[in-house]
Every structure is written in structure tokens, then in C-alpha cells.
Protein backbone atom coordinates (compact mmCIF):
# COMPACT_ATOMS: atom_id res chain seq x y z
CA MET A 1 -51.89 -20.28 45.09
CA SER A 2 -54.53 -20.38 42.40
CA LYS A 3 -53.89 -21.85 38.95
CA ILE A 4 -54.65 -20.15 35.67
CA GLU A 5 -57.34 -22.76 34.97
CA ASP A 6 -59.23 -21.46 38.01
CA TYR A 7 -60.22 -18.27 36.20
CA TYR A 8 -59.41 -18.63 32.47
CA ASP A 9 -60.66 -20.93 29.76
CA ILE A 10 -57.19 -21.83 28.54
CA SER A 11 -58.54 -23.99 25.72
CA THR A 12 -58.55 -20.81 23.65
CA PHE A 13 -54.94 -19.87 24.57
CA SER A 14 -51.88 -20.64 22.46
CA GLU A 15 -49.28 -23.07 23.80
CA GLU A 16 -46.75 -20.25 24.09
CA HIS A 17 -49.20 -18.12 26.05
CA ILE A 18 -49.92 -20.96 28.48
CA ARG A 19 -46.21 -21.68 28.87
CA MET A 20 -45.42 -18.08 29.82
CA LEU A 21 -48.36 -17.92 32.24
CA ARG A 22 -47.16 -21.08 33.97
CA LEU A 23 -43.60 -19.80 33.99
CA ALA A 24 -44.73 -16.55 35.61
CA ASN A 25 -46.34 -18.59 38.37
CA GLN A 26 -43.26 -20.74 38.84
CA LEU A 27 -41.02 -17.71 39.15
CA GLY A 28 -43.57 -16.01 41.36
CA GLN A 29 -43.79 -18.82 43.86
CA ALA A 30 -40.09 -19.64 43.90
CA ASN A 31 -38.58 -16.14 43.69
CA PHE A 32 -40.91 -13.14 43.54
CA ALA A 33 -43.09 -13.85 46.59
CA PRO A 34 -40.18 -14.73 48.93
CA ARG A 35 -38.37 -11.50 47.97
CA ALA A 36 -41.38 -9.16 48.09
CA ALA A 37 -41.23 -8.24 51.79
CA THR A 38 -37.53 -7.38 51.66
CA TYR A 39 -37.97 -5.17 48.60
CA ASP A 40 -40.96 -3.46 50.22
CA GLN A 41 -39.34 -2.83 53.61
CA GLY A 42 -36.22 -1.30 52.10
CA ALA A 43 -37.97 0.45 49.19
CA MET A 44 -35.50 -1.51 47.04
CA PHE A 45 -35.89 -2.05 43.32
CA PRO A 46 -36.54 -5.77 42.49
CA THR A 47 -33.30 -6.21 40.54
CA GLU A 48 -33.19 -9.99 40.97
CA ASN A 49 -36.77 -10.30 39.70
CA TYR A 50 -35.78 -8.42 36.56
CA GLN A 51 -32.84 -10.74 36.06
CA ASP A 52 -35.34 -13.61 36.15
CA LEU A 53 -37.67 -11.83 33.73
CA ALA A 54 -34.85 -11.10 31.31
CA GLU A 55 -33.41 -14.61 31.47
CA HIS A 56 -36.78 -16.18 30.64
CA GLY A 57 -37.76 -13.83 27.82
CA PHE A 58 -40.46 -11.74 29.49
CA LEU A 59 -38.92 -8.45 28.37
CA LYS A 60 -39.84 -9.23 24.76
CA LEU A 61 -43.43 -10.44 25.19
CA VAL A 62 -45.07 -7.96 22.80
CA ILE A 63 -42.15 -7.49 20.41
CA PRO A 64 -43.14 -8.91 16.99
CA LYS A 65 -41.87 -12.38 16.16
CA GLU A 66 -39.93 -11.15 13.15
CA TYR A 67 -37.76 -9.14 15.55
CA GLY A 68 -37.20 -12.02 17.96
CA GLY A 69 -40.11 -11.48 20.34
CA PHE A 70 -43.24 -13.45 21.19
CA GLY A 71 -45.67 -11.16 19.38
CA PHE A 72 -48.20 -11.36 22.21
CA SER A 73 -51.47 -9.48 21.95
CA LEU A 74 -52.47 -6.88 24.51
CA PHE A 75 -54.71 -9.46 26.19
CA GLU A 76 -51.94 -12.05 26.34
CA TYR A 77 -49.55 -9.55 27.86
CA ALA A 78 -52.14 -8.38 30.42
CA THR A 79 -52.75 -11.91 31.67
CA VAL A 80 -49.02 -12.53 32.10
CA GLY A 81 -48.62 -9.24 33.95
CA ALA A 82 -51.45 -10.20 36.28
CA GLU A 83 -49.78 -13.50 37.13
CA ILE A 84 -46.61 -11.62 38.09
CA GLY A 85 -48.74 -9.24 40.17
CA LYS A 86 -50.06 -12.13 42.26
CA TYR A 87 -46.63 -12.43 43.81
CA CYS A 88 -45.10 -8.94 43.64
CA GLY A 89 -47.22 -5.97 42.67
CA ALA A 90 -44.26 -3.62 42.32
CA THR A 91 -42.50 -5.94 39.88
CA ALA A 92 -45.65 -6.21 37.76
CA LEU A 93 -46.26 -2.45 37.84
CA THR A 94 -42.73 -1.54 36.75
CA PHE A 95 -42.69 -4.37 34.22
CA ASN A 96 -45.67 -2.68 32.62
CA MET A 97 -43.66 0.52 32.15
CA HIS A 98 -41.07 -1.40 30.15
CA THR A 99 -43.64 -3.36 28.18
CA SER A 100 -45.70 -0.26 27.42
CA SER A 101 -42.71 1.25 25.64
CA MET A 102 -42.53 -1.86 23.48
CA MET A 103 -46.32 -1.79 22.95
CA TRP A 104 -46.17 1.76 21.63
CA LEU A 105 -43.53 0.75 19.11
CA ARG A 106 -45.53 -2.32 18.15
CA PHE A 107 -49.16 -1.18 18.08
CA MET A 108 -48.80 2.45 17.05
CA TYR A 109 -46.82 1.36 14.01
CA GLU A 110 -49.67 -0.96 13.04
CA MET A 111 -52.31 1.80 13.20
CA PRO A 112 -54.17 2.24 9.90
CA ASN A 113 -54.10 6.04 10.15
CA LEU A 114 -50.32 6.23 9.72
CA THR A 115 -49.18 7.34 6.32
CA GLU A 116 -46.73 5.27 4.31
CA ALA A 117 -44.11 7.95 4.91
CA GLU A 118 -44.67 7.79 8.69
CA LYS A 119 -44.44 3.99 8.68
CA ALA A 120 -41.27 4.10 6.59
CA ALA A 121 -39.71 6.56 9.03
CA MET A 122 -40.78 4.60 12.10
CA ALA A 123 -39.72 1.15 10.88
CA PRO A 124 -35.97 1.56 11.55
CA MET A 125 -36.66 3.29 14.86
CA ARG A 126 -38.57 0.38 16.32
CA GLU A 127 -36.18 -2.17 14.84
CA ARG A 128 -33.32 -0.42 16.62
CA HIS A 129 -35.05 -0.36 20.01
CA PHE A 130 -36.45 -3.88 19.72
CA LYS A 131 -32.88 -5.03 19.12
CA HIS A 132 -31.74 -3.41 22.38
CA VAL A 133 -34.25 -5.56 24.25
CA VAL A 134 -33.95 -8.83 22.35
CA GLU A 135 -30.17 -8.91 22.12
CA ASN A 136 -29.09 -6.95 25.19
CA HIS A 137 -32.00 -7.40 27.61
CA ALA A 138 -32.38 -3.62 27.78
CA ILE A 139 -35.02 -2.33 30.19
CA PHE A 140 -37.11 0.71 29.28
CA SER A 141 -38.87 3.07 31.65
CA GLN A 142 -41.83 5.20 30.59
CA PRO A 143 -42.02 8.34 32.73
CA ILE A 144 -44.79 10.61 31.46
CA SER A 145 -46.40 12.29 34.47
CA GLU A 146 -45.09 15.72 35.37
CA GLY A 147 -47.13 16.31 38.51
CA GLY A 148 -50.37 18.25 38.88
CA ALA A 149 -52.99 17.97 36.15
CA ASN A 150 -53.72 14.92 34.06
CA TRP A 151 -50.83 14.88 31.59
CA THR A 152 -53.18 14.48 28.63
CA SER A 153 -54.88 17.79 29.41
CA SER A 154 -52.34 20.01 27.65
CA PRO A 155 -49.13 19.58 25.67
CA ILE A 156 -46.38 17.80 27.60
CA ALA A 157 -44.41 20.44 29.52
CA THR A 158 -41.04 18.76 29.03
CA SER A 159 -39.63 20.35 25.89
CA CYS A 160 -37.11 19.71 23.15
CA ARG A 161 -35.55 22.18 20.75
CA LYS A 162 -33.69 21.43 17.53
CA VAL A 163 -29.94 22.00 17.56
CA ASP A 164 -27.12 20.89 15.28
CA GLY A 165 -27.27 17.10 15.01
CA GLY A 166 -30.33 16.60 17.18
CA TRP A 167 -32.35 18.13 20.02
CA LEU A 168 -31.87 19.34 23.57
CA ILE A 169 -34.44 18.13 26.11
CA ASN A 170 -35.33 20.13 29.21
CA GLY A 171 -37.94 19.21 31.75
CA PHE A 172 -39.07 17.19 34.73
CA LYS A 173 -40.82 13.86 35.15
CA LYS A 174 -42.70 12.81 38.28
CA PHE A 175 -43.06 9.22 39.52
CA ALA A 176 -40.52 7.88 37.04
CA SER A 177 -40.75 4.18 37.90
CA LEU A 178 -37.50 2.21 37.46
CA ALA A 179 -35.56 5.44 38.04
CA GLY A 180 -31.90 4.54 38.25
CA HIS A 181 -32.57 0.92 37.33
CA CYS A 182 -33.42 0.98 33.62
CA ASP A 183 -31.27 1.32 30.52
CA TYR A 184 -33.46 3.79 28.64
CA TYR A 185 -36.12 6.32 29.57
CA SER A 186 -38.89 6.80 27.00
CA ILE A 187 -39.14 10.58 27.28
CA VAL A 188 -42.27 12.10 25.80
CA CYS A 189 -41.80 15.83 25.20
CA THR A 190 -43.09 18.69 23.07
CA GLU A 191 -40.90 20.22 20.40
CA HIS A 192 -40.79 24.00 20.74
CA PHE A 193 -40.54 26.41 17.85
CA ASP A 194 -39.95 30.15 17.90
CA GLY A 195 -43.16 32.10 17.42
CA LYS A 196 -45.46 29.11 18.00
CA GLU A 197 -47.31 27.95 21.11
CA PRO A 198 -46.55 24.37 22.23
CA ALA A 199 -49.01 21.96 20.60
CA HIS A 200 -50.04 18.32 20.94
CA GLU A 201 -49.15 17.63 17.32
CA ASP A 202 -45.50 18.48 18.09
CA THR A 203 -45.14 15.69 20.65
CA MET A 204 -41.92 13.69 20.35
CA ASP A 205 -40.71 10.50 22.01
CA PHE A 206 -37.01 9.75 22.55
CA ALA A 207 -35.15 6.84 24.15
CA VAL A 208 -32.80 8.62 26.53
CA HIS A 209 -29.92 6.47 27.75
CA LYS A 210 -29.46 6.25 31.51
CA ASP A 211 -25.93 7.73 31.28
CA SER A 212 -26.87 10.75 29.16
CA PRO A 213 -25.24 13.97 30.41
CA GLY A 214 -27.82 16.27 31.97
CA LEU A 215 -30.12 13.42 33.09
CA GLU A 216 -30.46 13.17 36.86
CA VAL A 217 -32.51 11.02 39.23
CA VAL A 218 -33.61 13.31 42.06
CA GLY A 219 -35.57 13.17 45.31
CA GLU A 220 -36.15 10.53 47.95
CA TRP A 221 -38.42 7.54 47.44
CA ASP A 222 -40.15 6.54 50.66
CA PRO A 223 -43.86 6.08 49.81
CA MET A 224 -46.69 4.32 51.60
CA GLY A 225 -47.17 1.64 48.96
CA MET A 226 -45.56 0.27 45.80
CA ARG A 227 -42.30 0.96 47.56
CA ALA A 228 -40.20 -1.27 45.30
CA THR A 229 -40.99 0.67 42.12
CA SER A 230 -38.17 3.21 42.59
CA SER A 231 -40.41 5.96 41.21
CA ASN A 232 -38.11 8.89 41.89
CA ASP A 233 -38.25 12.09 39.86
CA LEU A 234 -36.21 12.77 36.73
CA LEU A 235 -34.60 16.07 35.92
CA LEU A 236 -33.49 16.71 32.34
CA LYS A 237 -31.25 19.68 31.66
CA ASP A 238 -29.97 20.16 28.12
CA VAL A 239 -30.01 16.40 27.48
CA PHE A 240 -28.83 15.86 23.91
CA VAL A 241 -30.61 13.32 21.71
CA SER A 242 -30.24 12.55 18.02
CA GLU A 243 -32.41 10.98 15.34
CA ALA A 244 -31.02 7.59 16.40
CA ASP A 245 -32.80 8.08 19.74
CA LEU A 246 -36.25 8.74 18.25
CA MET A 247 -38.85 6.12 19.13
CA MET A 248 -41.41 7.40 16.65
CA PRO A 249 -41.69 10.25 14.14
CA ALA A 250 -42.93 13.65 15.25
CA GLY A 251 -46.69 13.74 15.73
CA VAL A 252 -47.26 9.97 15.67
CA PHE A 253 -47.72 9.79 19.45
CA THR A 254 -50.74 12.11 19.54
CA LYS A 255 -52.06 10.84 16.22
CA THR A 256 -52.29 7.26 17.48
CA LEU A 257 -52.57 7.07 21.28
CA GLY A 258 -56.01 8.68 21.44
CA GLN A 259 -57.37 5.94 19.19
CA TRP A 260 -55.78 3.13 21.23
CA PRO A 261 -57.17 4.10 24.67
CA THR A 262 -56.70 0.64 26.21
CA LEU A 263 -52.94 1.17 25.95
CA MET A 264 -53.38 3.56 28.87
CA ALA A 265 -55.23 0.94 30.95
CA THR A 266 -52.23 -1.35 31.31
CA LEU A 267 -51.59 -0.46 34.94
CA THR A 268 -54.50 -2.75 35.79
CA PRO A 269 -52.75 -6.15 35.33
CA SER A 270 -50.63 -5.54 38.42
CA TYR A 271 -53.70 -4.79 40.50
CA MET A 272 -55.82 -7.56 39.01
CA GLY A 273 -53.02 -9.93 39.98
CA GLN A 274 -52.78 -8.43 43.45
CA ALA A 275 -56.49 -8.95 44.02
CA GLN A 276 -56.04 -12.62 43.18
CA GLY A 277 -53.00 -12.79 45.45
CA VAL A 278 -54.96 -11.27 48.35
CA PHE A 279 -57.75 -13.79 47.90
CA ASP A 280 -55.36 -16.73 47.61
CA SER A 281 -53.50 -15.65 50.77
CA THR A 282 -56.78 -15.22 52.65
CA VAL A 283 -57.88 -18.75 51.77
CA ALA A 284 -54.47 -20.15 52.72
CA TYR A 285 -54.51 -18.29 56.05
CA LEU A 286 -57.97 -19.52 56.98
CA LYS A 287 -57.05 -23.09 56.05
CA GLY A 288 -53.88 -22.91 58.13
CA GLU A 289 -51.68 -23.25 55.05
CA LEU A 290 -50.02 -19.84 54.81
CA PRO A 291 -46.21 -20.29 54.81
CA GLY A 292 -44.59 -19.38 58.12
CA GLN A 293 -47.85 -19.56 60.07
CA PRO A 294 -49.08 -22.28 62.46
CA PRO A 295 -51.51 -24.77 60.87
CA ILE A 296 -54.63 -23.44 62.57
CA ASP A 297 -57.95 -24.17 60.87
CA ARG A 298 -59.99 -20.96 61.00
CA ARG A 299 -62.67 -22.10 58.57
CA VAL A 300 -65.01 -23.06 61.40
CA PHE A 301 -66.22 -19.46 61.83
CA PRO A 302 -69.30 -18.71 59.69
CA THR A 303 -68.49 -14.99 59.51
CA LYS A 304 -65.11 -15.72 57.93
CA ARG A 305 -66.66 -18.10 55.43
CA MET A 306 -69.23 -15.48 54.43
CA SER A 307 -66.50 -12.86 53.95
CA VAL A 308 -64.51 -15.16 51.71
CA SER A 309 -67.64 -15.78 49.66
CA LYS A 310 -68.09 -12.03 49.18
CA MET A 311 -64.44 -11.63 48.24
CA TYR A 312 -64.77 -14.36 45.63
CA GLN A 313 -67.90 -12.82 44.14
CA GLN A 314 -66.24 -9.44 43.79
CA LEU A 315 -63.07 -10.98 42.38
CA CYS A 316 -65.07 -12.87 39.72
CA GLY A 317 -66.92 -9.74 38.68
CA MET A 318 -63.72 -7.74 38.43
CA ARG A 319 -61.96 -10.36 36.37
CA ALA A 320 -64.91 -10.84 34.03
CA GLN A 321 -65.01 -7.12 33.20
CA TRP A 322 -61.24 -6.88 32.98
CA THR A 323 -60.89 -9.95 30.76
CA GLN A 324 -63.52 -8.69 28.33
CA THR A 325 -61.82 -5.29 28.14
CA PHE A 326 -58.49 -6.75 27.12
CA LYS A 327 -59.91 -9.40 24.82
CA GLU A 328 -61.71 -6.77 22.76
CA ALA A 329 -58.93 -4.15 22.97
CA GLN A 330 -58.21 -2.68 19.57
CA ALA A 331 -57.33 0.48 17.72
CA PHE A 332 -60.29 2.69 16.79
CA PRO A 333 -62.70 1.14 19.30
CA SER A 334 -66.40 1.85 19.52
CA LYS A 335 -67.86 4.10 22.17
CA GLU A 336 -69.32 1.06 23.92
CA GLN A 337 -65.93 -0.67 24.03
CA VAL A 338 -64.33 2.42 25.54
CA MET A 339 -67.06 2.70 28.18
CA ARG A 340 -66.58 -0.95 29.14
CA MET A 341 -62.86 -0.31 29.41
CA TYR A 342 -63.39 2.71 31.66
CA ALA A 343 -65.81 0.69 33.83
CA SER A 344 -63.36 -2.19 34.17
CA GLN A 345 -60.64 0.27 35.19
CA VAL A 346 -62.82 1.43 38.09
CA ALA A 347 -63.79 -2.14 38.99
CA VAL A 348 -60.17 -3.24 39.30
CA MET A 349 -58.58 -0.14 40.80
CA ASP A 350 -61.27 0.29 43.44
CA GLY A 351 -61.97 -3.41 43.84
CA VAL A 352 -58.43 -4.40 44.75
CA GLN A 353 -58.42 -2.04 47.76
CA GLU A 354 -61.81 -3.28 48.87
CA ILE A 355 -60.67 -6.90 48.69
CA ALA A 356 -57.44 -6.11 50.56
CA ALA A 357 -59.39 -4.33 53.32
CA MET A 358 -61.86 -7.22 53.56
CA ALA A 359 -58.98 -9.69 53.87
CA ILE A 360 -57.57 -7.85 56.89
CA ARG A 361 -60.98 -7.59 58.53
CA THR A 362 -61.67 -11.27 57.88
CA CYS A 363 -58.33 -12.73 58.93
CA GLY A 364 -57.88 -10.50 61.97
CA GLY A 365 -55.19 -8.63 63.82
CA GLN A 366 -52.27 -10.84 62.84
CA THR A 367 -52.57 -9.62 59.27
CA LEU A 368 -51.32 -6.21 60.42
CA LEU A 369 -47.90 -7.65 61.22
CA LYS A 370 -44.98 -7.22 58.84
CA ASP A 371 -44.35 -10.98 58.65
CA GLN A 372 -47.67 -11.30 56.83
CA PRO A 373 -48.28 -10.21 53.21
CA PHE A 374 -51.65 -8.59 53.93
CA GLU A 375 -50.55 -5.16 55.14
CA ARG A 376 -48.29 -4.83 52.09
CA TYR A 377 -51.19 -5.82 49.85
CA TYR A 378 -53.30 -3.18 51.58
CA ARG A 379 -50.75 -0.40 51.14
CA ASP A 380 -49.97 -1.34 47.54
CA SER A 381 -53.63 -1.65 46.60
CA ARG A 382 -54.41 1.81 47.93
CA CYS A 383 -52.20 3.30 45.21
CA ALA A 384 -54.36 1.91 42.41
CA ALA A 385 -57.19 4.45 42.23
CA THR A 386 -54.80 7.42 42.20
CA MET A 387 -52.82 6.54 39.07
CA LEU A 388 -53.02 8.90 36.11
CA PRO A 389 -54.27 9.20 33.49
CA TYR A 390 -57.11 6.84 34.43
CA THR A 391 -57.77 7.62 38.10
CA THR A 392 -61.08 6.46 39.51
CA GLU A 393 -62.41 10.02 39.67
CA ILE A 394 -61.54 10.70 36.04
CA MET A 395 -63.05 7.40 34.90
CA GLU A 396 -66.30 8.03 36.74
CA GLU A 397 -66.53 11.52 35.26
CA TYR A 398 -65.91 10.21 31.74
CA LEU A 399 -68.47 7.45 32.16
CA SER A 400 -71.08 9.91 33.42
CA MET A 401 -70.53 12.19 30.45
CA MET A 402 -70.51 9.40 27.87
CA THR A 403 -73.65 7.88 29.35
CA LEU A 404 -75.69 11.07 29.44
CA TYR A 405 -74.47 12.85 26.30
CA GLU A 406 -73.79 12.00 22.72
CA MET A 407 -70.15 12.43 21.79
CA ASP A 408 -70.85 15.40 19.51
CA GLU A 409 -72.49 17.24 22.44
CA ILE A 410 -69.68 16.97 24.95
CA ASP A 411 -67.43 19.75 23.68
CA ASN A 412 -70.31 22.24 23.73
CA ILE A 413 -71.18 21.79 27.39
CA GLY A 414 -70.40 24.61 29.84
CA THR A 415 -66.88 25.13 31.12
CA GLU A 416 -67.74 23.82 34.58
CA THR A 417 -67.46 20.34 33.07
CA VAL A 418 -64.11 20.93 31.39
CA SER A 419 -62.45 18.22 33.49
CA ALA A 420 -64.58 15.67 31.67
CA ARG A 421 -63.33 16.66 28.26
CA VAL A 422 -59.61 17.28 28.33
CA SER A 423 -58.46 13.72 27.69
CA MET A 424 -61.64 11.75 27.05
CA TRP A 425 -61.57 9.41 24.08
CA ARG A 426 -63.09 10.76 20.88
CA PRO A 427 -64.23 8.74 17.87
CA ALA A 428 -62.09 9.16 14.79
């Protein structure tokens, strides 16, 4: 497998960052890769992988140091997630759901547009949830999608209503990764009030414990790809939560997330890592060095060499765009930064499937067999471009609008272009 020095200038990385990157590779080679086929075939959650991640501190990567975490930046986290994705895409993808919950608590609190009152209210909330992770190795899920339209298009349909001592949550979440295998679900919902239409500014976020009465994991999970993510549906019926379960004050979610758009691009590390894993496996196969395969040297065929060259070129371009996006990720970005982020999302989410398809074409018919990793890579990679809120179609629409129009023109364009406006980033 490749080394981090093959594609990063690690002279600019901290010692702790390098240590965790190397550790991710050690765990990947020794544990994650050997288990991946079994998890995939049985659509089994990677429980043992999470035990490894918890034992070695990965669950607290972005938690601030003063709370016992590593305090990693978004870029540092993304690179670690990509290393995990080289060996097991489903583990990296679900790991992002946990880490994203911690990122919201970390980065939204640091936003300069929060008032002192909002920060004072949020401080004990995040301290409480950070403690769950640092001291108890708690795993968080982050189910947001509710099926159908892009979930940023209108207020979250899952609702909460105030009752004595707290709120009652009612609703449904689709593709709830880690379903049945996490300790807390970060449930984003809209508070409802009598006589008022549901509104974005009334968005709430609660940590709902896995054993809460009224919370149910429903449906079968037997997908084409990313089978080990356990992304069943969640049904919430009169689930009671209190102020102790709040992850952020009312309104903070919508006030901050729109000005931290790269926080919604964190599905890409899994797929960036997978693309590297596909390339590494292709090289190993052609050199006769893939574990479990006879040592046949297939490098003698010029067509295979040319295909590997094309794969490498595409991989380098993807990683260059992706690396820049995460290095410059920040709150209140410029229009140009957002456009580069959207473009890198397309490059990775489309590129990983193209590389996986090229690997199968290049290496030949044996790659279709279940004892090879390639057909799993192919199925997993095909999921990438479909993932909300930043699907490839949405990203291309946003880029076309932002390229051809000034931002103050977009909301005045005819309704036939409404799909380009519902969740596009706006400058503050």
C-alpha cells in the first residue's frame, strides 16, 4: 500500500498528525482490510474496527485539547479519514458521521457570528457531549436525511414540541448510518409552535440516546454498496428529550452551518481514500503482489501500463483539488473558495467510480470475483455521487449558477432554476 509521503508534504504536518496517519495505516493493513470482505458480504457493521478506533483515540480527533481531544483541524481530520478509507470505505464513511457531530460542537461554537449569550448557553452542552466521547468512548450517529428532496431545501420535517421538562420528538430519518450500533443519534429537528409555520430558524439538535423510549430502528439493510454502514431508517415517536440532551441552542444550527459549507463535504475523505486503495490494489495486482493471488507479473502488457498511468494522473488531480479544499476550509469563506470546494466534491465523488471501473477493465475478469477487493470498491464507489446534500448533480448546478451569475442575481432568476437556489451557499 502507498505511504502518506507518496502524496503529502508531511514536513508541514504536526508530529501528532503524522502519528495518527501512520496509526490509521497500521490498523488498516492489520485489521480493517482483512475484515472488509466479511463485513461487506454480510452487511455487518464493523464493530471490531470501531473498537480499534476507540482504543487508539480516533473518536476524539477534532475535540478540543482542553476537553481531552486532539484538536485536529478539518484538514487534519479529512486526511486521517482518507487513510481509513483506503482499507474500509464503510468504516471511514460511518466514522465521518460520528466525527461530524463532534465537528459541529467544535466549529459552530467558534463561529464569530454567535452572540455571547449563545456561546454561554452552548458551552456546557458541548462539554457534556465531549465528555461522553473522551471518557466513555461514546459513538455518535448523525442522521439528517429524510428521503426525497435535498434536506436543506425546507425546514427539517422531523419535529419537536415543548412539553413539561423538555420536548417530544416525532419524525423519520432515512439512511441513518450506524443505526443500532451507536450510543447517541444527533437528531436535527424543527421546533413547532401553535399558529406558526415551521421555519429554519427554529431548528434544534438533540443527542438522543440509543435506548430512548419511542426510538426504533426500522427496515432492512441490503444495499448494493457501502453495505457495512448499517444505514437503516429511524422512527421517532414521542421521544422525550430534555435540556441536558441539547447539542446546541435553538437557531444556532441554521445560523452557522450555511457559513461553514465545507462541513457538509466531509463524506469525501472515505471516497478519496477508496480511490487511493483502488489504485494501490491495481498496482499490486499487476505486479503479482496482491495478497492471496499467484505472483504473476502482468506489467508486460503496454495497455495495462497505459491504464495505470491514466489512473495515476486522475488520482493526482483529484487529490490536489481535494487537499486544497480542506486546507483552506474556514467559516465565512469567499465565493471562490466555495466554488473550489464544490468542484473538488465532483472530482472525488465522480472520480472514485471512474478509477474503480478502470481498475476492473485494466486488471481483467478475475477482479469480478468476490475474493478480490475490486468489485467491492466498484460497488462502494458508485454510492459516492448520490449522497446528499452535495450530490454530483447538485454540485454541477450550483457551479453553473455561481459561474454565470453574481450572487445577488441568483434569487431573482425564474422559478425553473429553483433547484439551484434552495441550499446554495450565500455570502454573509
